[in-house]
N, C-alpha and C. Protein backbone atom coordinates (compact mmCIF):
# COMPACT_ATOMS: atom_id res chain seq x y z
N MET A 1 -18.09 29.07 40.76
CA MET A 1 -17.91 27.65 41.01
C MET A 1 -17.54 26.96 39.69
N THR A 2 -16.64 26.01 39.74
CA THR A 2 -16.17 25.29 38.57
C THR A 2 -17.18 24.22 38.17
N ASN A 3 -17.48 24.14 36.87
CA ASN A 3 -18.41 23.13 36.37
C ASN A 3 -17.83 22.48 35.13
N ILE A 4 -18.34 21.31 34.82
CA ILE A 4 -18.04 20.62 33.57
C ILE A 4 -19.41 20.34 32.97
N GLU A 5 -19.52 20.37 31.65
CA GLU A 5 -20.83 20.22 31.02
C GLU A 5 -21.55 18.97 31.53
N GLY A 6 -22.75 19.17 32.07
CA GLY A 6 -23.55 18.06 32.58
C GLY A 6 -23.33 17.76 34.06
N ILE A 7 -22.27 18.33 34.64
CA ILE A 7 -22.00 18.16 36.08
C ILE A 7 -21.80 19.55 36.66
N LYS A 8 -22.70 19.95 37.53
CA LYS A 8 -22.65 21.30 38.09
C LYS A 8 -22.42 21.22 39.59
N VAL A 9 -21.49 22.02 40.07
CA VAL A 9 -21.28 22.16 41.51
C VAL A 9 -22.35 23.13 42.01
N VAL A 10 -23.26 22.62 42.84
CA VAL A 10 -24.36 23.43 43.35
C VAL A 10 -23.97 24.13 44.64
N HIS A 11 -23.24 23.43 45.49
CA HIS A 11 -22.86 23.97 46.79
C HIS A 11 -21.56 23.29 47.20
N ALA A 12 -20.66 24.08 47.74
CA ALA A 12 -19.39 23.49 48.17
C ALA A 12 -18.82 24.27 49.34
N ILE A 13 -18.49 23.54 50.37
CA ILE A 13 -17.69 24.05 51.48
C ILE A 13 -16.71 22.92 51.80
N PRO A 14 -15.59 23.22 52.42
CA PRO A 14 -14.65 22.14 52.74
C PRO A 14 -15.35 21.02 53.52
N GLY A 15 -15.25 19.81 53.00
CA GLY A 15 -15.86 18.64 53.63
C GLY A 15 -17.22 18.27 53.09
N ARG A 16 -17.81 19.14 52.26
CA ARG A 16 -19.16 18.89 51.75
C ARG A 16 -19.29 19.46 50.34
N LEU A 17 -19.77 18.64 49.42
CA LEU A 17 -19.91 19.05 48.03
C LEU A 17 -21.22 18.48 47.48
N ARG A 18 -22.05 19.34 46.90
CA ARG A 18 -23.27 18.88 46.25
C ARG A 18 -23.16 19.14 44.76
N LEU A 19 -23.38 18.08 43.99
CA LEU A 19 -23.33 18.14 42.53
C LEU A 19 -24.71 17.86 41.96
N LYS A 20 -24.98 18.43 40.80
CA LYS A 20 -26.14 18.06 39.99
C LYS A 20 -25.57 17.42 38.74
N ILE A 21 -25.99 16.20 38.47
CA ILE A 21 -25.51 15.47 37.31
C ILE A 21 -26.71 15.21 36.41
N SER A 22 -26.77 15.92 35.29
CA SER A 22 -27.95 15.85 34.43
C SER A 22 -28.25 14.44 33.96
N ARG A 23 -27.25 13.66 33.62
CA ARG A 23 -27.47 12.28 33.14
C ARG A 23 -28.01 11.35 34.23
N MET A 24 -27.84 11.73 35.48
CA MET A 24 -28.27 10.86 36.58
C MET A 24 -29.75 11.04 36.92
N ARG A 25 -30.32 12.17 36.49
CA ARG A 25 -31.72 12.44 36.80
C ARG A 25 -32.60 11.37 36.17
N ARG A 26 -33.42 10.75 37.03
CA ARG A 26 -34.32 9.65 36.64
C ARG A 26 -33.57 8.44 36.10
N ASN A 27 -32.36 8.24 36.59
CA ASN A 27 -31.55 7.10 36.17
C ASN A 27 -31.00 6.43 37.43
N SER A 28 -31.80 5.53 38.00
CA SER A 28 -31.43 4.90 39.27
C SER A 28 -30.21 3.99 39.12
N VAL A 29 -30.01 3.42 37.94
CA VAL A 29 -28.84 2.56 37.73
C VAL A 29 -27.56 3.39 37.81
N LEU A 30 -27.55 4.53 37.13
CA LEU A 30 -26.37 5.40 37.19
C LEU A 30 -26.17 5.95 38.61
N ALA A 31 -27.26 6.33 39.27
CA ALA A 31 -27.16 6.85 40.64
C ALA A 31 -26.52 5.81 41.56
N ALA A 32 -26.93 4.57 41.43
CA ALA A 32 -26.37 3.50 42.27
C ALA A 32 -24.89 3.30 41.96
N GLU A 33 -24.53 3.39 40.69
CA GLU A 33 -23.12 3.20 40.31
C GLU A 33 -22.27 4.37 40.78
N VAL A 34 -22.79 5.59 40.67
CA VAL A 34 -22.07 6.77 41.18
C VAL A 34 -21.82 6.61 42.68
N GLN A 35 -22.86 6.22 43.40
CA GLN A 35 -22.73 6.04 44.85
C GLN A 35 -21.71 4.96 45.17
N LYS A 36 -21.78 3.84 44.47
CA LYS A 36 -20.86 2.72 44.72
C LYS A 36 -19.41 3.11 44.43
N ARG A 37 -19.17 3.70 43.27
CA ARG A 37 -17.79 4.03 42.87
C ARG A 37 -17.18 5.09 43.77
N LEU A 38 -17.93 6.15 44.05
CA LEU A 38 -17.37 7.23 44.86
C LEU A 38 -17.24 6.82 46.32
N SER A 39 -18.13 5.96 46.80
CA SER A 39 -18.03 5.48 48.19
C SER A 39 -16.80 4.63 48.42
N SER A 40 -16.25 4.07 47.36
CA SER A 40 -15.08 3.20 47.50
C SER A 40 -13.78 3.99 47.70
N ILE A 41 -13.84 5.30 47.54
CA ILE A 41 -12.65 6.14 47.70
C ILE A 41 -12.53 6.52 49.18
N GLN A 42 -11.39 6.18 49.76
CA GLN A 42 -11.20 6.29 51.21
C GLN A 42 -11.44 7.70 51.75
N ALA A 43 -11.06 8.74 51.03
CA ALA A 43 -11.22 10.11 51.53
C ALA A 43 -12.68 10.56 51.54
N ILE A 44 -13.54 9.83 50.84
CA ILE A 44 -14.96 10.16 50.81
C ILE A 44 -15.66 9.37 51.91
N GLN A 45 -16.27 10.09 52.84
CA GLN A 45 -16.89 9.46 54.00
C GLN A 45 -18.32 9.01 53.73
N GLN A 46 -19.05 9.75 52.89
CA GLN A 46 -20.44 9.40 52.61
C GLN A 46 -20.83 9.96 51.25
N VAL A 47 -21.63 9.18 50.53
CA VAL A 47 -22.16 9.60 49.23
C VAL A 47 -23.66 9.34 49.26
N MET A 48 -24.42 10.35 48.91
CA MET A 48 -25.87 10.18 48.79
C MET A 48 -26.26 10.63 47.38
N ALA A 49 -26.64 9.67 46.55
CA ALA A 49 -27.03 9.96 45.17
C ALA A 49 -28.55 9.85 45.06
N ASN A 50 -29.19 10.88 44.53
CA ASN A 50 -30.65 10.92 44.41
C ASN A 50 -31.03 10.94 42.93
N PRO A 51 -31.55 9.82 42.41
CA PRO A 51 -31.90 9.77 41.00
C PRO A 51 -33.12 10.61 40.64
N LEU A 52 -33.94 10.96 41.61
CA LEU A 52 -35.11 11.81 41.31
C LEU A 52 -34.68 13.22 40.92
N THR A 53 -33.64 13.72 41.59
CA THR A 53 -33.19 15.09 41.34
C THR A 53 -31.89 15.16 40.55
N GLY A 54 -31.16 14.06 40.46
CA GLY A 54 -29.85 14.07 39.82
C GLY A 54 -28.79 14.68 40.71
N SER A 55 -29.05 14.70 42.00
CA SER A 55 -28.16 15.34 42.96
C SER A 55 -27.28 14.30 43.66
N VAL A 56 -26.03 14.68 43.89
CA VAL A 56 -25.10 13.84 44.65
C VAL A 56 -24.49 14.70 45.75
N LEU A 57 -24.60 14.22 46.98
CA LEU A 57 -23.98 14.89 48.11
C LEU A 57 -22.78 14.06 48.53
N LEU A 58 -21.62 14.72 48.59
CA LEU A 58 -20.39 14.06 49.03
C LEU A 58 -19.93 14.68 50.33
N LEU A 59 -19.71 13.86 51.33
CA LEU A 59 -19.07 14.29 52.57
C LEU A 59 -17.68 13.67 52.54
N TYR A 60 -16.66 14.48 52.72
CA TYR A 60 -15.30 13.99 52.53
C TYR A 60 -14.34 14.62 53.53
N ASP A 61 -13.17 14.01 53.63
CA ASP A 61 -12.10 14.53 54.46
C ASP A 61 -11.38 15.62 53.67
N PRO A 62 -11.54 16.88 54.06
CA PRO A 62 -10.94 17.97 53.27
C PRO A 62 -9.41 17.93 53.23
N LYS A 63 -8.78 17.24 54.16
CA LYS A 63 -7.32 17.16 54.16
C LYS A 63 -6.81 16.12 53.16
N GLU A 64 -7.68 15.19 52.77
CA GLU A 64 -7.25 14.08 51.91
C GLU A 64 -7.83 14.10 50.51
N ILE A 65 -8.96 14.78 50.32
CA ILE A 65 -9.69 14.64 49.06
C ILE A 65 -8.88 15.07 47.85
N PHE A 66 -8.03 16.08 47.99
CA PHE A 66 -7.28 16.56 46.84
C PHE A 66 -5.82 16.15 46.86
N SER A 67 -5.51 15.09 47.63
CA SER A 67 -4.15 14.55 47.58
C SER A 67 -3.96 13.89 46.21
N PRO A 68 -2.73 13.80 45.73
CA PRO A 68 -2.51 13.22 44.40
C PRO A 68 -3.11 11.82 44.23
N GLY A 69 -2.99 10.97 45.24
CA GLY A 69 -3.54 9.62 45.15
C GLY A 69 -5.05 9.62 45.04
N THR A 70 -5.70 10.46 45.84
CA THR A 70 -7.17 10.53 45.80
C THR A 70 -7.64 11.16 44.50
N LEU A 71 -6.95 12.18 44.02
CA LEU A 71 -7.32 12.77 42.73
C LEU A 71 -7.25 11.74 41.61
N GLY A 72 -6.24 10.88 41.67
CA GLY A 72 -6.14 9.80 40.67
C GLY A 72 -7.32 8.85 40.74
N LEU A 73 -7.74 8.49 41.96
CA LEU A 73 -8.90 7.61 42.13
C LEU A 73 -10.19 8.29 41.66
N LEU A 74 -10.33 9.58 41.95
CA LEU A 74 -11.51 10.32 41.49
C LEU A 74 -11.52 10.40 39.96
N LEU A 75 -10.38 10.66 39.36
CA LEU A 75 -10.28 10.72 37.91
C LEU A 75 -10.68 9.39 37.29
N GLU A 76 -10.18 8.31 37.86
CA GLU A 76 -10.50 6.97 37.36
C GLU A 76 -12.00 6.69 37.48
N ALA A 77 -12.58 6.98 38.65
CA ALA A 77 -14.01 6.72 38.87
C ALA A 77 -14.87 7.56 37.94
N LEU A 78 -14.59 8.86 37.84
CA LEU A 78 -15.41 9.74 37.01
C LEU A 78 -15.24 9.42 35.53
N SER A 79 -14.03 9.05 35.11
CA SER A 79 -13.81 8.70 33.70
C SER A 79 -14.60 7.45 33.31
N SER A 80 -14.69 6.49 34.23
CA SER A 80 -15.45 5.27 33.91
C SER A 80 -16.96 5.52 33.98
N LEU A 81 -17.40 6.40 34.88
CA LEU A 81 -18.82 6.71 35.00
C LEU A 81 -19.31 7.59 33.85
N PHE A 82 -18.44 8.46 33.37
CA PHE A 82 -18.82 9.43 32.33
C PHE A 82 -17.82 9.38 31.18
N PRO A 83 -17.87 8.29 30.40
CA PRO A 83 -16.89 8.12 29.32
C PRO A 83 -16.99 9.18 28.22
N GLU A 84 -18.10 9.93 28.19
CA GLU A 84 -18.23 10.98 27.18
C GLU A 84 -17.30 12.16 27.43
N PHE A 85 -16.74 12.26 28.64
CA PHE A 85 -15.80 13.32 28.96
C PHE A 85 -14.38 12.81 28.76
N ALA A 86 -13.57 13.63 28.16
CA ALA A 86 -12.16 13.28 28.01
C ALA A 86 -11.50 13.30 29.38
N PRO A 87 -10.66 12.31 29.69
CA PRO A 87 -10.00 12.29 31.01
C PRO A 87 -9.28 13.59 31.33
N GLU A 88 -8.67 14.25 30.32
CA GLU A 88 -7.96 15.50 30.61
C GLU A 88 -8.93 16.61 31.01
N ASP A 89 -10.17 16.58 30.49
CA ASP A 89 -11.18 17.56 30.91
C ASP A 89 -11.58 17.33 32.37
N ILE A 90 -11.75 16.07 32.74
CA ILE A 90 -12.10 15.75 34.13
C ILE A 90 -10.94 16.14 35.05
N LYS A 91 -9.72 15.84 34.62
CA LYS A 91 -8.55 16.21 35.43
C LYS A 91 -8.49 17.73 35.62
N ASP A 92 -8.71 18.48 34.54
CA ASP A 92 -8.71 19.95 34.65
C ASP A 92 -9.79 20.43 35.61
N TRP A 93 -10.97 19.80 35.55
CA TRP A 93 -12.09 20.15 36.44
C TRP A 93 -11.72 19.88 37.90
N LEU A 94 -11.16 18.69 38.16
CA LEU A 94 -10.75 18.35 39.53
C LEU A 94 -9.65 19.28 40.02
N ASP A 95 -8.70 19.61 39.15
CA ASP A 95 -7.63 20.54 39.53
C ASP A 95 -8.20 21.91 39.89
N ALA A 96 -9.16 22.38 39.10
CA ALA A 96 -9.78 23.68 39.39
C ALA A 96 -10.53 23.64 40.72
N LEU A 97 -11.24 22.54 40.98
CA LEU A 97 -11.92 22.40 42.27
C LEU A 97 -10.92 22.43 43.42
N SER A 98 -9.81 21.72 43.26
CA SER A 98 -8.83 21.67 44.34
C SER A 98 -8.25 23.05 44.61
N ARG A 99 -8.05 23.86 43.56
CA ARG A 99 -7.54 25.23 43.76
C ARG A 99 -8.56 26.09 44.51
N GLU A 100 -9.85 25.87 44.26
CA GLU A 100 -10.88 26.62 44.95
C GLU A 100 -10.89 26.34 46.45
N PHE A 101 -10.43 25.15 46.84
CA PHE A 101 -10.45 24.76 48.24
C PHE A 101 -9.10 24.85 48.92
N GLU A 102 -8.09 25.39 48.22
CA GLU A 102 -6.78 25.55 48.85
C GLU A 102 -6.92 26.48 50.04
N PRO A 103 -6.31 26.13 51.16
CA PRO A 103 -6.37 27.03 52.32
C PRO A 103 -5.77 28.39 51.97
N GLN A 104 -6.44 29.42 52.35
CA GLN A 104 -5.97 30.78 52.09
C GLN A 104 -5.14 31.26 53.28
N ALA A 105 -4.09 31.97 52.98
CA ALA A 105 -3.27 32.55 54.04
C ALA A 105 -4.07 33.63 54.75
N PRO A 106 -3.99 33.70 56.06
CA PRO A 106 -4.74 34.75 56.78
C PRO A 106 -4.28 36.13 56.37
N VAL A 107 -5.22 37.04 56.31
CA VAL A 107 -4.92 38.42 55.98
C VAL A 107 -4.70 39.18 57.27
N HIS A 108 -3.60 39.90 57.35
CA HIS A 108 -3.28 40.66 58.57
C HIS A 108 -3.49 42.13 58.35
């Protein structure tokens, strides 16, 4: 699973992604901001941010989440939430995630 320092993908299946964000643990202000910013992205259907555990559950439309427009919105949201990460590092992370979820051709 693809990770970026401080943000770990704990579980991922198309339509559902659970992250652990170390900076969010015991930080209810950041948890609320993560939930607010990510919830504003149309392809994301639900965000549940838990400041006790630092966990974020994202339910999303797997057909739309990695479209170029949505990736741009995710990059913008994550860059503003986590300014310590270079935008190109976040972009590389999102690109790697999108490759992990590319539909695979059936094997015959």
